[in-house]
Amino acid sequence: MKPILDLSKNNDYRSWVKELKQRYLSARLKASIEANRTLLEYYWRLGRDIADKQYAN
């Protein structure tokens, strides 16, 4: 039976995990920014549509 490797002491592995975490956080931030931008655009248009309807009557 092979001995279990302790990867937590392997510098290459630790660097790789650190990079994965950073890429995940970056992707999550980009997704949040895009979602917020889309919602702001929606609310802006909604407000404009409401104002147009109010002034049309």
N, C-alpha and C. Protein backbone atom coordinates (compact mmCIF):
# COMPACT_ATOMS: atom_id res chain seq x y z
N MET A 1 0.84 -1.19 0.00
CA MET A 1 0.00 0.00 0.00
C MET A 1 0.88 1.25 0.00
N LYS A 2 0.54 2.22 -0.85
CA LYS A 2 1.32 3.45 -0.93
C LYS A 2 1.02 4.35 0.27
N PRO A 3 2.04 5.07 0.74
CA PRO A 3 1.77 6.02 1.84
C PRO A 3 0.98 7.21 1.32
N ILE A 4 0.19 7.80 2.19
CA ILE A 4 -0.62 8.96 1.83
C ILE A 4 0.29 10.18 1.75
N LEU A 5 0.18 10.92 0.66
CA LEU A 5 0.99 12.13 0.48
C LEU A 5 0.40 13.28 1.26
N ASP A 6 1.26 14.05 1.91
CA ASP A 6 0.82 15.24 2.61
C ASP A 6 1.05 16.42 1.68
N LEU A 7 0.02 16.74 0.89
CA LEU A 7 0.16 17.79 -0.12
C LEU A 7 0.25 19.19 0.49
N SER A 8 -0.17 19.34 1.73
CA SER A 8 -0.14 20.66 2.34
C SER A 8 1.29 21.18 2.52
N LYS A 9 2.26 20.31 2.45
CA LYS A 9 3.66 20.72 2.58
C LYS A 9 4.33 20.91 1.22
N ASN A 10 3.63 20.59 0.15
CA ASN A 10 4.18 20.72 -1.19
C ASN A 10 3.96 22.15 -1.69
N ASN A 11 5.04 22.88 -1.92
CA ASN A 11 4.94 24.29 -2.33
C ASN A 11 4.25 24.47 -3.67
N ASP A 12 4.49 23.58 -4.62
CA ASP A 12 3.83 23.69 -5.92
C ASP A 12 2.32 23.52 -5.78
N TYR A 13 1.92 22.54 -4.97
CA TYR A 13 0.50 22.31 -4.73
C TYR A 13 -0.13 23.50 -4.03
N ARG A 14 0.52 24.03 -3.02
CA ARG A 14 -0.01 25.18 -2.28
C ARG A 14 -0.15 26.39 -3.19
N SER A 15 0.82 26.62 -4.06
CA SER A 15 0.75 27.73 -5.01
C SER A 15 -0.41 27.54 -5.97
N TRP A 16 -0.59 26.30 -6.43
CA TRP A 16 -1.68 26.00 -7.36
C TRP A 16 -3.04 26.24 -6.70
N VAL A 17 -3.20 25.79 -5.46
CA VAL A 17 -4.46 26.00 -4.75
C VAL A 17 -4.71 27.49 -4.54
N LYS A 18 -3.66 28.23 -4.20
CA LYS A 18 -3.79 29.68 -4.01
C LYS A 18 -4.23 30.35 -5.31
N GLU A 19 -3.66 29.92 -6.43
CA GLU A 19 -4.05 30.46 -7.73
C GLU A 19 -5.50 30.12 -8.06
N LEU A 20 -5.92 28.89 -7.77
CA LEU A 20 -7.31 28.50 -8.01
C LEU A 20 -8.27 29.36 -7.20
N LYS A 21 -7.94 29.61 -5.96
CA LYS A 21 -8.79 30.45 -5.12
C LYS A 21 -8.90 31.86 -5.70
N GLN A 22 -7.78 32.40 -6.15
CA GLN A 22 -7.78 33.75 -6.70
C GLN A 22 -8.61 33.81 -7.99
N ARG A 23 -8.47 32.80 -8.84
CA ARG A 23 -9.24 32.77 -10.08
C ARG A 23 -10.73 32.65 -9.78
N TYR A 24 -11.09 31.85 -8.77
CA TYR A 24 -12.49 31.70 -8.38
C TYR A 24 -13.05 33.03 -7.89
N LEU A 25 -12.32 33.70 -7.00
CA LEU A 25 -12.79 34.98 -6.47
C LEU A 25 -12.92 36.03 -7.58
N SER A 26 -11.98 36.02 -8.50
CA SER A 26 -12.02 36.96 -9.62
C SER A 26 -13.25 36.70 -10.49
N ALA A 27 -13.51 35.44 -10.80
CA ALA A 27 -14.67 35.09 -11.63
C ALA A 27 -15.97 35.46 -10.91
N ARG A 28 -16.01 35.23 -9.61
CA ARG A 28 -17.21 35.56 -8.83
C ARG A 28 -17.45 37.06 -8.81
N LEU A 29 -16.38 37.83 -8.67
CA LEU A 29 -16.50 39.29 -8.68
C LEU A 29 -16.98 39.79 -10.04
N LYS A 30 -16.42 39.25 -11.11
CA LYS A 30 -16.86 39.64 -12.46
C LYS A 30 -18.34 39.33 -12.67
N ALA A 31 -18.79 38.17 -12.19
CA ALA A 31 -20.20 37.80 -12.33
C ALA A 31 -21.09 38.75 -11.54
N SER A 32 -20.66 39.12 -10.34
CA SER A 32 -21.44 40.05 -9.52
C SER A 32 -21.54 41.42 -10.18
N ILE A 33 -20.44 41.89 -10.72
CA ILE A 33 -20.43 43.19 -11.39
C ILE A 33 -21.38 43.17 -12.59
N GLU A 34 -21.33 42.12 -13.37
CA GLU A 34 -22.19 42.02 -14.55
C GLU A 34 -23.66 41.95 -14.15
N ALA A 35 -23.96 41.17 -13.11
CA ALA A 35 -25.35 41.06 -12.65
C ALA A 35 -25.84 42.42 -12.15
N ASN A 36 -25.03 43.12 -11.39
CA ASN A 36 -25.43 44.44 -10.88
C ASN A 36 -25.61 45.43 -12.01
N ARG A 37 -24.74 45.39 -13.01
CA ARG A 37 -24.86 46.28 -14.15
C ARG A 37 -26.17 46.04 -14.89
N THR A 38 -26.50 44.77 -15.07
CA THR A 38 -27.73 44.41 -15.76
C THR A 38 -28.96 44.88 -14.97
N LEU A 39 -28.94 44.69 -13.66
CA LEU A 39 -30.08 45.14 -12.84
C LEU A 39 -30.19 46.66 -12.85
N LEU A 40 -29.08 47.36 -12.76
CA LEU A 40 -29.13 48.83 -12.81
C LEU A 40 -29.71 49.31 -14.13
N GLU A 41 -29.31 48.67 -15.20
CA GLU A 41 -29.84 49.02 -16.52
C GLU A 41 -31.35 48.78 -16.56
N TYR A 42 -31.79 47.64 -16.00
CA TYR A 42 -33.22 47.34 -15.96
C TYR A 42 -33.99 48.40 -15.17
N TYR A 43 -33.50 48.73 -13.98
CA TYR A 43 -34.21 49.71 -13.14
C TYR A 43 -34.19 51.10 -13.77
N TRP A 44 -33.11 51.45 -14.44
CA TRP A 44 -33.04 52.73 -15.13
C TRP A 44 -34.12 52.81 -16.21
N ARG A 45 -34.20 51.75 -17.00
CA ARG A 45 -35.22 51.72 -18.07
C ARG A 45 -36.63 51.70 -17.50
N LEU A 46 -36.83 50.96 -16.41
CA LEU A 46 -38.14 50.90 -15.78
C LEU A 46 -38.56 52.30 -15.30
N GLY A 47 -37.65 53.00 -14.65
CA GLY A 47 -37.94 54.36 -14.20
C GLY A 47 -38.27 55.28 -15.36
N ARG A 48 -37.51 55.15 -16.45
CA ARG A 48 -37.76 55.97 -17.64
C ARG A 48 -39.13 55.65 -18.23
N ASP A 49 -39.48 54.37 -18.30
CA ASP A 49 -40.78 53.96 -18.84
C ASP A 49 -41.92 54.50 -17.97
N ILE A 50 -41.76 54.43 -16.66
CA ILE A 50 -42.79 54.94 -15.75
C ILE A 50 -42.95 56.44 -15.95
N ALA A 51 -41.83 57.16 -16.01
CA ALA A 51 -41.90 58.61 -16.21
C ALA A 51 -42.56 58.94 -17.54
N ASP A 52 -42.21 58.21 -18.59
CA ASP A 52 -42.84 58.45 -19.91
C ASP A 52 -44.34 58.24 -19.85
N LYS A 53 -44.80 57.20 -19.17
CA LYS A 53 -46.22 56.92 -19.06
C LYS A 53 -46.94 58.02 -18.26
N GLN A 54 -46.29 58.49 -17.20
CA GLN A 54 -46.91 59.53 -16.37
C GLN A 54 -47.10 60.82 -17.17
N TYR A 55 -46.09 61.20 -17.92
CA TYR A 55 -46.15 62.45 -18.66
C TYR A 55 -46.97 62.34 -19.95
N ALA A 56 -47.23 61.12 -20.40
CA ALA A 56 -48.03 60.92 -21.61
C ALA A 56 -49.52 61.15 -21.33
N ASN A 57 -49.91 60.98 -20.09
CA ASN A 57 -51.35 61.11 -19.75
C ASN A 57 -51.70 62.49 -19.31
